Amino acid sequence: MAAKKINPWLKLGLELGPVLLFFVGFSRFKDSTVVFGGQAYHGFILMTALFIPLMIVTTAILWKLTGQLSKMQVVTLVLVIVFGGLSVWLNDERFFKMKPTMIYALFAAILGWGLMRGKSYMQLVMEEALPMRHEGWMILTRRVALFFAGLAIANEVVWRTMSTETWVSFKTFVLTGALFAFFMTQGKLFETYGIDKPEE
């Protein structure tokens, strides 16, 4: 079933809103500590505990408005719940910091597996929205797989070698910006291999 069309700014707000609110909340409460059940929780864990239900709510709203969710959105939500939940439960921020690594590495592996079989899994889920010849999809899929692998490595380097504040800024702005920048640079590929839809 095709997704219902919604205002693109509303869609962007639902997808990026939780990430931006996490950044704002962490900036405000990074030096705060709350004692609950005899355990002290600092600002990062507090914001992680708020981020999980916020992601669930915004994803549910997106599903309600559009009628469907992409596999990437579903997997992202599951990993947020699992790794965010582990961070809160064990009071250990490392699990939540690993979450982007797991997401990017997982999708790089899935796309890579498809390429080894001569298939573009991106084409299977995005062909209707972006008509393109098979050769174009294979090239794009290779690029995306390598790009995701690079993001996974970058996230690991940053969270393991830099401060929590640096990682939060990196996650909010650098990783998000890199995704937008990457797809903006693929215009030539879309132009070369794109298929014009007949006008309705």
N, C-alpha and C. Protein backbone atom coordinates (compact mmCIF):
# COMPACT_ATOMS: atom_id res chain seq x y z
N MET A 1 0.85 -1.19 0.00
CA MET A 1 0.00 0.00 0.00
C MET A 1 0.88 1.24 0.00
N ALA A 2 0.58 2.19 -0.91
CA ALA A 2 1.38 3.40 -1.01
C ALA A 2 1.15 4.28 0.21
N ALA A 3 2.21 4.95 0.65
CA ALA A 3 2.11 5.82 1.80
C ALA A 3 1.27 7.04 1.47
N LYS A 4 0.49 7.52 2.46
CA LYS A 4 -0.28 8.75 2.27
C LYS A 4 0.68 9.93 2.28
N LYS A 5 0.40 10.92 1.46
CA LYS A 5 1.23 12.11 1.39
C LYS A 5 0.93 13.01 2.58
N ILE A 6 1.96 13.50 3.24
CA ILE A 6 1.79 14.48 4.30
C ILE A 6 2.76 15.63 4.04
N ASN A 7 2.55 16.72 4.74
CA ASN A 7 3.43 17.87 4.60
C ASN A 7 4.87 17.46 4.86
N PRO A 8 5.79 17.71 3.91
CA PRO A 8 7.17 17.27 4.08
C PRO A 8 7.86 17.87 5.31
N TRP A 9 7.47 19.09 5.68
CA TRP A 9 8.06 19.70 6.88
C TRP A 9 7.58 19.00 8.14
N LEU A 10 6.31 18.56 8.14
CA LEU A 10 5.79 17.81 9.28
C LEU A 10 6.51 16.47 9.39
N LYS A 11 6.71 15.82 8.25
CA LYS A 11 7.42 14.54 8.23
C LYS A 11 8.85 14.71 8.74
N LEU A 12 9.52 15.77 8.27
CA LEU A 12 10.89 16.02 8.71
C LEU A 12 10.93 16.32 10.21
N GLY A 13 9.93 17.07 10.68
CA GLY A 13 9.87 17.39 12.11
C GLY A 13 9.68 16.15 12.97
N LEU A 14 8.83 15.22 12.51
CA LEU A 14 8.61 13.99 13.27
C LEU A 14 9.84 13.09 13.27
N GLU A 15 10.61 13.12 12.18
CA GLU A 15 11.79 12.26 12.08
C GLU A 15 12.99 12.84 12.82
N LEU A 16 13.18 14.16 12.72
CA LEU A 16 14.36 14.78 13.33
C LEU A 16 14.07 15.45 14.68
N GLY A 17 12.79 15.67 14.96
CA GLY A 17 12.42 16.34 16.21
C GLY A 17 13.01 15.69 17.46
N PRO A 18 12.86 14.36 17.62
CA PRO A 18 13.42 13.73 18.82
C PRO A 18 14.92 13.90 18.96
N VAL A 19 15.65 13.88 17.85
CA VAL A 19 17.10 14.03 17.89
C VAL A 19 17.47 15.44 18.34
N LEU A 20 16.78 16.43 17.79
CA LEU A 20 17.06 17.82 18.17
C LEU A 20 16.67 18.09 19.63
N LEU A 21 15.54 17.52 20.06
CA LEU A 21 15.12 17.69 21.46
C LEU A 21 16.10 17.01 22.42
N PHE A 22 16.66 15.88 22.00
CA PHE A 22 17.68 15.22 22.82
C PHE A 22 18.88 16.15 22.99
N PHE A 23 19.30 16.78 21.89
CA PHE A 23 20.44 17.69 21.95
C PHE A 23 20.16 18.87 22.88
N VAL A 24 18.98 19.48 22.71
CA VAL A 24 18.61 20.62 23.55
C VAL A 24 18.53 20.22 25.01
N GLY A 25 17.85 19.08 25.27
CA GLY A 25 17.71 18.62 26.65
C GLY A 25 19.04 18.28 27.30
N PHE A 26 19.91 17.61 26.53
CA PHE A 26 21.23 17.27 27.08
C PHE A 26 22.03 18.52 27.37
N SER A 27 21.98 19.51 26.48
CA SER A 27 22.70 20.76 26.69
C SER A 27 22.23 21.45 27.97
N ARG A 28 20.93 21.30 28.26
CA ARG A 28 20.36 21.95 29.45
C ARG A 28 20.64 21.15 30.72
N PHE A 29 20.59 19.83 30.65
CA PHE A 29 20.65 19.02 31.87
C PHE A 29 21.91 18.15 31.98
N LYS A 30 22.95 18.43 31.18
CA LYS A 30 24.13 17.58 31.17
C LYS A 30 24.84 17.52 32.51
N ASP A 31 24.71 18.57 33.31
CA ASP A 31 25.37 18.59 34.61
C ASP A 31 24.44 18.24 35.76
N SER A 32 23.20 17.85 35.41
CA SER A 32 22.21 17.51 36.44
C SER A 32 22.30 16.03 36.80
N THR A 33 21.92 15.72 38.02
CA THR A 33 21.88 14.33 38.49
C THR A 33 20.59 14.11 39.27
N VAL A 34 19.94 12.99 39.01
CA VAL A 34 18.71 12.63 39.71
C VAL A 34 18.95 11.28 40.39
N VAL A 35 18.58 11.20 41.65
CA VAL A 35 18.71 9.94 42.40
C VAL A 35 17.35 9.26 42.40
N PHE A 36 17.33 8.03 41.90
CA PHE A 36 16.09 7.26 41.85
C PHE A 36 16.38 5.83 42.27
N GLY A 37 15.66 5.35 43.27
CA GLY A 37 15.89 3.99 43.76
C GLY A 37 17.30 3.78 44.29
N GLY A 38 17.88 4.83 44.84
CA GLY A 38 19.23 4.73 45.38
C GLY A 38 20.32 4.79 44.33
N GLN A 39 19.93 5.02 43.06
CA GLN A 39 20.89 5.09 41.96
C GLN A 39 20.92 6.50 41.39
N ALA A 40 22.12 7.04 41.16
CA ALA A 40 22.25 8.39 40.60
C ALA A 40 22.31 8.31 39.08
N TYR A 41 21.45 9.10 38.42
CA TYR A 41 21.40 9.14 36.97
C TYR A 41 21.77 10.56 36.50
N HIS A 42 22.78 10.67 35.63
CA HIS A 42 23.18 11.99 35.15
C HIS A 42 22.38 12.38 33.91
N GLY A 43 22.66 13.58 33.40
CA GLY A 43 21.86 14.17 32.34
C GLY A 43 21.71 13.33 31.09
N PHE A 44 22.77 12.67 30.66
CA PHE A 44 22.70 11.87 29.44
C PHE A 44 21.70 10.73 29.58
N ILE A 45 21.74 10.05 30.70
CA ILE A 45 20.81 8.94 30.93
C ILE A 45 19.38 9.45 31.07
N LEU A 46 19.21 10.60 31.72
CA LEU A 46 17.87 11.18 31.86
C LEU A 46 17.26 11.48 30.48
N MET A 47 18.07 12.08 29.61
CA MET A 47 17.56 12.41 28.28
C MET A 47 17.33 11.16 27.43
N THR A 48 18.15 10.14 27.65
CA THR A 48 17.92 8.87 26.95
C THR A 48 16.59 8.27 27.36
N ALA A 49 16.29 8.34 28.67
CA ALA A 49 15.03 7.80 29.18
C ALA A 49 13.83 8.55 28.59
N LEU A 50 13.99 9.84 28.30
CA LEU A 50 12.91 10.61 27.69
C LEU A 50 12.87 10.41 26.17
N PHE A 51 14.02 10.16 25.58
CA PHE A 51 14.13 10.01 24.13
C PHE A 51 13.38 8.78 23.64
N ILE A 52 13.44 7.70 24.40
CA ILE A 52 12.81 6.44 23.97
C ILE A 52 11.31 6.58 23.77
N PRO A 53 10.54 7.04 24.79
CA PRO A 53 9.09 7.20 24.54
C PRO A 53 8.78 8.27 23.49
N LEU A 54 9.63 9.31 23.40
CA LEU A 54 9.42 10.33 22.37
C LEU A 54 9.55 9.74 20.98
N MET A 55 10.54 8.86 20.77
CA MET A 55 10.70 8.19 19.48
C MET A 55 9.51 7.29 19.18
N ILE A 56 9.02 6.60 20.20
CA ILE A 56 7.85 5.72 20.01
C ILE A 56 6.64 6.54 19.58
N VAL A 57 6.42 7.68 20.25
CA VAL A 57 5.25 8.52 19.96
C VAL A 57 5.35 9.12 18.56
N THR A 58 6.51 9.69 18.21
CA THR A 58 6.63 10.34 16.89
C THR A 58 6.57 9.31 15.76
N THR A 59 7.12 8.12 15.99
CA THR A 59 7.03 7.06 14.98
C THR A 59 5.59 6.60 14.81
N ALA A 60 4.86 6.50 15.92
CA ALA A 60 3.44 6.10 15.86
C ALA A 60 2.62 7.16 15.13
N ILE A 61 2.91 8.44 15.36
CA ILE A 61 2.21 9.52 14.66
C ILE A 61 2.50 9.44 13.17
N LEU A 62 3.77 9.22 12.83
CA LEU A 62 4.15 9.11 11.41
C LEU A 62 3.44 7.95 10.75
N TRP A 63 3.35 6.83 11.44
CA TRP A 63 2.64 5.66 10.91
C TRP A 63 1.15 5.96 10.74
N LYS A 64 0.57 6.65 11.72
CA LYS A 64 -0.86 6.99 11.66
C LYS A 64 -1.15 7.92 10.49
N LEU A 65 -0.26 8.88 10.25
CA LEU A 65 -0.49 9.87 9.19
C LEU A 65 -0.21 9.32 7.79
N THR A 66 0.80 8.47 7.67
CA THR A 66 1.20 7.99 6.34
C THR A 66 0.66 6.60 6.01
N GLY A 67 0.31 5.84 7.03
CA GLY A 67 -0.22 4.50 6.80
C GLY A 67 0.83 3.42 6.69
N GLN A 68 2.13 3.80 6.75
CA GLN A 68 3.19 2.80 6.70
C GLN A 68 4.50 3.39 7.23
N LEU A 69 5.42 2.48 7.55
CA LEU A 69 6.76 2.86 7.99
C LEU A 69 7.76 2.09 7.15
N SER A 70 8.91 2.71 6.87
CA SER A 70 9.95 2.00 6.15
C SER A 70 10.63 1.01 7.09
N LYS A 71 11.28 0.01 6.50
CA LYS A 71 12.00 -0.97 7.32
C LYS A 71 13.08 -0.29 8.15
N MET A 72 13.71 0.74 7.59
CA MET A 72 14.76 1.44 8.32
C MET A 72 14.19 2.15 9.54
N GLN A 73 13.00 2.73 9.41
CA GLN A 73 12.37 3.40 10.54
C GLN A 73 12.03 2.39 11.65
N VAL A 74 11.54 1.23 11.25
CA VAL A 74 11.17 0.20 12.23
C VAL A 74 12.42 -0.32 12.96
N VAL A 75 13.46 -0.64 12.19
CA VAL A 75 14.70 -1.14 12.79
C VAL A 75 15.32 -0.09 13.70
N THR A 76 15.32 1.17 13.26
CA THR A 76 15.86 2.25 14.08
C THR A 76 15.13 2.35 15.40
N LEU A 77 13.79 2.28 15.36
CA LEU A 77 13.01 2.36 16.59
C LEU A 77 13.33 1.19 17.52
N VAL A 78 13.43 -0.01 16.96
CA VAL A 78 13.75 -1.19 17.78
C VAL A 78 15.11 -1.03 18.46
N LEU A 79 16.11 -0.56 17.70
CA LEU A 79 17.45 -0.39 18.26
C LEU A 79 17.49 0.72 19.30
N VAL A 80 16.70 1.76 19.10
CA VAL A 80 16.60 2.83 20.11
C VAL A 80 16.05 2.26 21.41
N ILE A 81 15.00 1.46 21.30
CA ILE A 81 14.39 0.87 22.49
C ILE A 81 15.36 -0.08 23.18
N VAL A 82 16.04 -0.94 22.39
CA VAL A 82 16.94 -1.93 22.98
C VAL A 82 18.17 -1.28 23.60
N PHE A 83 18.90 -0.49 22.81
CA PHE A 83 20.15 0.09 23.30
C PHE A 83 19.90 1.24 24.27
N GLY A 84 18.86 2.04 24.01
CA GLY A 84 18.51 3.08 24.96
C GLY A 84 18.04 2.48 26.28
N GLY A 85 17.23 1.42 26.16
CA GLY A 85 16.75 0.75 27.38
C GLY A 85 17.89 0.15 28.20
N LEU A 86 18.88 -0.42 27.51
CA LEU A 86 20.04 -0.98 28.22
C LEU A 86 20.83 0.12 28.93
N SER A 87 20.97 1.27 28.26
CA SER A 87 21.69 2.38 28.88
C SER A 87 21.00 2.84 30.16
N VAL A 88 19.66 2.97 30.09
CA VAL A 88 18.91 3.41 31.27
C VAL A 88 18.92 2.34 32.35
N TRP A 89 18.68 1.10 31.98
CA TRP A 89 18.59 0.01 32.94
C TRP A 89 19.92 -0.20 33.66
N LEU A 90 21.02 -0.18 32.90
CA LEU A 90 22.33 -0.42 33.48
C LEU A 90 23.05 0.87 33.87
N ASN A 91 22.38 2.01 33.62
CA ASN A 91 22.97 3.32 33.92
C ASN A 91 24.34 3.45 33.26
N ASP A 92 24.39 3.08 31.98
CA ASP A 92 25.66 3.07 31.24
C ASP A 92 25.42 3.67 29.85
N GLU A 93 25.95 4.87 29.63
CA GLU A 93 25.69 5.59 28.39
C GLU A 93 26.29 4.94 27.16
N ARG A 94 27.22 4.01 27.33
CA ARG A 94 27.90 3.41 26.19
C ARG A 94 26.95 2.68 25.25
N PHE A 95 25.92 2.05 25.79
CA PHE A 95 25.00 1.29 24.94
C PHE A 95 24.27 2.21 23.96
N PHE A 96 23.81 3.37 24.45
CA PHE A 96 23.10 4.29 23.57
C PHE A 96 24.04 4.88 22.52
N LYS A 97 25.28 5.10 22.90
CA LYS A 97 26.26 5.63 21.95
C LYS A 97 26.58 4.61 20.85
N MET A 98 26.43 3.33 21.16
CA MET A 98 26.68 2.29 20.16
C MET A 98 25.55 2.18 19.13
N LYS A 99 24.39 2.71 19.47
CA LYS A 99 23.20 2.53 18.64
C LYS A 99 23.40 2.97 17.18
N PRO A 100 23.96 4.18 16.90
CA PRO A 100 24.18 4.54 15.50
C PRO A 100 25.12 3.57 14.78
N THR A 101 26.13 3.08 15.50
CA THR A 101 27.05 2.11 14.90
C THR A 101 26.28 0.87 14.46
N MET A 102 25.41 0.37 15.33
CA MET A 102 24.64 -0.83 15.01
C MET A 102 23.72 -0.59 13.82
N ILE A 103 23.06 0.58 13.79
CA ILE A 103 22.14 0.89 12.69
C ILE A 103 22.88 0.93 11.36
N TYR A 104 23.95 1.72 11.31
CA TYR A 104 24.67 1.89 10.04
C TYR A 104 25.37 0.60 9.61
N ALA A 105 25.95 -0.12 10.57
CA ALA A 105 26.62 -1.36 10.24
C ALA A 105 25.63 -2.41 9.74
N LEU A 106 24.46 -2.46 10.37
CA LEU A 106 23.43 -3.43 9.97
C LEU A 106 22.97 -3.17 8.55
N PHE A 107 22.67 -1.92 8.22
CA PHE A 107 22.19 -1.62 6.88
C PHE A 107 23.29 -1.76 5.84
N ALA A 108 24.52 -1.43 6.21
CA ALA A 108 25.64 -1.64 5.28
C ALA A 108 25.78 -3.13 4.97
N ALA A 109 25.62 -3.97 6.01
CA ALA A 109 25.74 -5.42 5.82
C ALA A 109 24.60 -5.96 4.96
N ILE A 110 23.38 -5.48 5.21
CA ILE A 110 22.23 -5.94 4.43
C ILE A 110 22.38 -5.56 2.96
N LEU A 111 22.76 -4.30 2.73
CA LEU A 111 22.95 -3.86 1.34
C LEU A 111 24.10 -4.60 0.68
N GLY A 112 25.18 -4.83 1.43
CA GLY A 112 26.32 -5.57 0.89
C GLY A 112 25.96 -7.00 0.54
N TRP A 113 25.15 -7.64 1.37
CA TRP A 113 24.70 -9.00 1.10
C TRP A 113 23.88 -9.04 -0.20
N GLY A 114 23.01 -8.06 -0.37
CA GLY A 114 22.23 -8.00 -1.60
C GLY A 114 23.11 -7.81 -2.82
N LEU A 115 24.13 -6.95 -2.71
CA LEU A 115 25.04 -6.71 -3.83
C LEU A 115 25.78 -7.98 -4.22
N MET A 116 26.18 -8.77 -3.22
CA MET A 116 26.88 -10.02 -3.53
C MET A 116 25.98 -10.99 -4.27
N ARG A 117 24.68 -10.84 -4.11
CA ARG A 117 23.72 -11.68 -4.81
C ARG A 117 23.23 -11.04 -6.11
N GLY A 118 23.84 -9.89 -6.46
CA GLY A 118 23.45 -9.21 -7.69
C GLY A 118 22.16 -8.44 -7.59
N LYS A 119 21.76 -8.09 -6.37
CA LYS A 119 20.49 -7.39 -6.16
C LYS A 119 20.71 -6.09 -5.41
N SER A 120 19.81 -5.15 -5.65
CA SER A 120 19.80 -3.90 -4.89
C SER A 120 18.56 -3.91 -4.01
N TYR A 121 18.76 -4.10 -2.70
CA TYR A 121 17.62 -4.07 -1.80
C TYR A 121 17.01 -2.68 -1.70
N MET A 122 17.80 -1.66 -2.00
CA MET A 122 17.24 -0.30 -2.04
C MET A 122 16.22 -0.18 -3.15
N GLN A 123 16.50 -0.81 -4.27
CA GLN A 123 15.57 -0.75 -5.40
C GLN A 123 14.23 -1.40 -5.03
N LEU A 124 14.29 -2.47 -4.25
CA LEU A 124 13.07 -3.19 -3.89
C LEU A 124 12.12 -2.33 -3.06
N VAL A 125 12.67 -1.43 -2.25
CA VAL A 125 11.81 -0.64 -1.34
C VAL A 125 11.62 0.80 -1.80
N MET A 126 12.45 1.28 -2.75
CA MET A 126 12.38 2.69 -3.12
C MET A 126 12.08 2.94 -4.60
N GLU A 127 11.92 1.87 -5.36
CA GLU A 127 11.79 2.04 -6.81
C GLU A 127 10.57 2.86 -7.19
N GLU A 128 9.47 2.70 -6.46
CA GLU A 128 8.25 3.44 -6.79
C GLU A 128 8.45 4.94 -6.60
N ALA A 129 9.17 5.31 -5.52
CA ALA A 129 9.39 6.72 -5.24
C ALA A 129 10.49 7.32 -6.10
N LEU A 130 11.43 6.47 -6.55
CA LEU A 130 12.58 6.97 -7.32
C LEU A 130 12.84 6.04 -8.50
N PRO A 131 12.10 6.19 -9.59
CA PRO A 131 12.29 5.30 -10.75
C PRO A 131 13.69 5.47 -11.35
N MET A 132 14.41 4.35 -11.47
CA MET A 132 15.77 4.40 -11.99
C MET A 132 16.13 3.04 -12.56
N ARG A 133 16.99 3.04 -13.57
CA ARG A 133 17.40 1.77 -14.17
C ARG A 133 18.20 0.95 -13.16
N HIS A 134 18.21 -0.37 -13.41
CA HIS A 134 18.86 -1.29 -12.47
C HIS A 134 20.33 -0.94 -12.24
N GLU A 135 21.03 -0.55 -13.31
CA GLU A 135 22.45 -0.22 -13.17
C GLU A 135 22.64 0.94 -12.19
N GLY A 136 21.74 1.90 -12.27
CA GLY A 136 21.81 3.04 -11.35
C GLY A 136 21.59 2.63 -9.91
N TRP A 137 20.62 1.72 -9.71
CA TRP A 137 20.36 1.24 -8.35
C TRP A 137 21.56 0.49 -7.79
N MET A 138 22.24 -0.29 -8.62
CA MET A 138 23.41 -1.03 -8.14
C MET A 138 24.53 -0.07 -7.73
N ILE A 139 24.74 0.98 -8.54
CA ILE A 139 25.77 1.96 -8.21
C ILE A 139 25.42 2.69 -6.91
N LEU A 140 24.16 3.13 -6.81
CA LEU A 140 23.73 3.85 -5.61
C LEU A 140 23.83 2.96 -4.38
N THR A 141 23.44 1.71 -4.52
CA THR A 141 23.48 0.79 -3.38
C THR A 141 24.92 0.57 -2.91
N ARG A 142 25.86 0.43 -3.83
CA ARG A 142 27.27 0.29 -3.45
C ARG A 142 27.75 1.53 -2.69
N ARG A 143 27.38 2.68 -3.20
CA ARG A 143 27.80 3.92 -2.55
C ARG A 143 27.20 4.06 -1.15
N VAL A 144 25.91 3.73 -1.04
CA VAL A 144 25.24 3.85 0.26
C VAL A 144 25.82 2.85 1.26
N ALA A 145 26.08 1.62 0.81
CA ALA A 145 26.66 0.61 1.70
C ALA A 145 28.01 1.07 2.24
N LEU A 146 28.86 1.60 1.37
CA LEU A 146 30.17 2.10 1.80
C LEU A 146 30.02 3.32 2.70
N PHE A 147 29.06 4.18 2.37
CA PHE A 147 28.81 5.38 3.17
C PHE A 147 28.36 5.00 4.57
N PHE A 148 27.42 4.06 4.67
CA PHE A 148 26.95 3.62 5.99
C PHE A 148 28.07 2.97 6.79
N ALA A 149 28.90 2.18 6.12
CA ALA A 149 30.03 1.56 6.81
C ALA A 149 30.97 2.64 7.35
N GLY A 150 31.19 3.69 6.56
CA GLY A 150 32.03 4.79 7.01
C GLY A 150 31.43 5.52 8.21
N LEU A 151 30.10 5.72 8.20
CA LEU A 151 29.45 6.37 9.33
C LEU A 151 29.55 5.51 10.59
N ALA A 152 29.43 4.19 10.44
CA ALA A 152 29.56 3.30 11.59
C ALA A 152 30.94 3.41 12.22
N ILE A 153 31.97 3.43 11.38
CA ILE A 153 33.34 3.55 11.87
C ILE A 153 33.54 4.92 12.53
N ALA A 154 33.03 5.97 11.88
CA ALA A 154 33.18 7.32 12.44
C ALA A 154 32.53 7.43 13.80
N ASN A 155 31.33 6.85 13.94
CA ASN A 155 30.65 6.90 15.24
C ASN A 155 31.45 6.18 16.32
N GLU A 156 32.00 5.03 15.97
CA GLU A 156 32.80 4.28 16.94
C GLU A 156 34.02 5.10 17.39
N VAL A 157 34.69 5.73 16.43
CA VAL A 157 35.88 6.52 16.76
C VAL A 157 35.52 7.68 17.69
N VAL A 158 34.42 8.38 17.35
CA VAL A 158 34.06 9.57 18.13
C VAL A 158 33.64 9.21 19.54
N TRP A 159 32.74 8.23 19.70
CA TRP A 159 32.25 7.98 21.06
C TRP A 159 33.31 7.31 21.94
N ARG A 160 34.24 6.59 21.33
CA ARG A 160 35.27 5.93 22.13
C ARG A 160 36.44 6.84 22.48
N THR A 161 36.64 7.91 21.72
CA THR A 161 37.83 8.74 21.93
C THR A 161 37.52 10.17 22.37
N MET A 162 36.25 10.56 22.31
CA MET A 162 35.92 11.96 22.63
C MET A 162 34.89 12.03 23.75
N SER A 163 34.63 13.25 24.22
CA SER A 163 33.72 13.46 25.33
C SER A 163 32.27 13.20 24.91
N THR A 164 31.41 13.02 25.92
CA THR A 164 29.99 12.82 25.66
C THR A 164 29.39 14.04 24.97
N GLU A 165 29.79 15.23 25.37
CA GLU A 165 29.28 16.45 24.74
C GLU A 165 29.63 16.47 23.26
N THR A 166 30.87 16.10 22.94
CA THR A 166 31.29 16.07 21.53
C THR A 166 30.48 15.05 20.76
N TRP A 167 30.24 13.88 21.36
CA TRP A 167 29.48 12.84 20.66
C TRP A 167 28.05 13.29 20.39
N VAL A 168 27.41 13.93 21.37
CA VAL A 168 26.03 14.39 21.18
C VAL A 168 25.96 15.38 20.02
N SER A 169 26.89 16.31 19.95
CA SER A 169 26.93 17.26 18.83
C SER A 169 27.20 16.54 17.52
N PHE A 170 28.12 15.59 17.54
CA PHE A 170 28.44 14.80 16.35
C PHE A 170 27.22 14.04 15.86
N LYS A 171 26.51 13.38 16.77
CA LYS A 171 25.33 12.61 16.41
C LYS A 171 24.23 13.51 15.87
N THR A 172 24.03 14.66 16.49
CA THR A 172 22.93 15.54 16.10
C THR A 172 23.17 16.22 14.77
N PHE A 173 24.37 16.75 14.57
CA PHE A 173 24.61 17.60 13.42
C PHE A 173 25.46 16.93 12.32
N VAL A 174 26.55 16.26 12.71
CA VAL A 174 27.44 15.72 11.69
C VAL A 174 26.82 14.51 10.99
N LEU A 175 26.33 13.54 11.76
CA LEU A 175 25.74 12.36 11.12
C LEU A 175 24.50 12.72 10.32
N THR A 176 23.64 13.57 10.88
CA THR A 176 22.42 13.98 10.16
C THR A 176 22.78 14.78 8.92
N GLY A 177 23.70 15.73 9.07
CA GLY A 177 24.12 16.53 7.93
C GLY A 177 24.79 15.71 6.85
N ALA A 178 25.57 14.71 7.26
CA ALA A 178 26.26 13.86 6.29
C ALA A 178 25.26 13.10 5.43
N LEU A 179 24.16 12.64 6.02
CA LEU A 179 23.15 11.92 5.25
C LEU A 179 22.52 12.82 4.19
N PHE A 180 22.16 14.05 4.58
CA PHE A 180 21.58 14.98 3.62
C PHE A 180 22.59 15.30 2.52
N ALA A 181 23.83 15.59 2.91
CA ALA A 181 24.86 15.96 1.95
C ALA A 181 25.14 14.83 0.97
N PHE A 182 25.17 13.59 1.48
CA PHE A 182 25.45 12.45 0.61
C PHE A 182 24.41 12.34 -0.50
N PHE A 183 23.14 12.37 -0.13
CA PHE A 183 22.11 12.18 -1.15
C PHE A 183 21.99 13.38 -2.08
N MET A 184 22.37 14.56 -1.60
CA MET A 184 22.37 15.72 -2.48
C MET A 184 23.46 15.61 -3.55
N THR A 185 24.53 14.89 -3.24
CA THR A 185 25.62 14.73 -4.21
C THR A 185 25.34 13.63 -5.24
N GLN A 186 24.21 12.94 -5.09
CA GLN A 186 23.89 11.86 -6.03
C GLN A 186 23.03 12.33 -7.19
N GLY A 187 22.87 13.64 -7.33
CA GLY A 187 22.01 14.17 -8.39
C GLY A 187 22.41 13.72 -9.78
N LYS A 188 23.70 13.68 -10.06
CA LYS A 188 24.17 13.26 -11.37
C LYS A 188 23.78 11.82 -11.66
N LEU A 189 23.86 10.96 -10.65
CA LEU A 189 23.48 9.56 -10.81
C LEU A 189 21.99 9.45 -11.14
N PHE A 190 21.15 10.18 -10.39
CA PHE A 190 19.71 10.15 -10.65
C PHE A 190 19.40 10.67 -12.05
N GLU A 191 20.14 11.68 -12.47
CA GLU A 191 19.92 12.26 -13.79
C GLU A 191 20.31 11.28 -14.90
N THR A 192 21.41 10.57 -14.69
CA THR A 192 21.93 9.65 -15.71
C THR A 192 21.06 8.40 -15.85
N TYR A 193 20.63 7.85 -14.73
CA TYR A 193 19.91 6.56 -14.76
C TYR A 193 18.43 6.67 -14.46
N GLY A 194 17.94 7.88 -14.22
CA GLY A 194 16.54 8.05 -13.88
C GLY A 194 15.62 7.69 -15.04
N ILE A 195 14.42 7.23 -14.70
CA ILE A 195 13.38 6.89 -15.68
C ILE A 195 12.24 7.87 -15.50
N ASP A 196 11.89 8.57 -16.56
CA ASP A 196 10.79 9.52 -16.47
C ASP A 196 9.48 8.78 -16.39
N LYS A 197 8.65 9.17 -15.40
CA LYS A 197 7.31 8.59 -15.30
C LYS A 197 6.39 9.25 -16.31
N PRO A 198 5.49 8.49 -16.90
CA PRO A 198 4.50 9.11 -17.79
C PRO A 198 3.60 10.04 -16.99
N GLU A 199 3.29 11.19 -17.56
CA GLU A 199 2.45 12.16 -16.84
C GLU A 199 1.05 11.60 -16.70
N GLU A 200 0.51 11.78 -15.50
CA GLU A 200 -0.85 11.29 -15.25
C GLU A 200 -1.84 12.40 -15.56
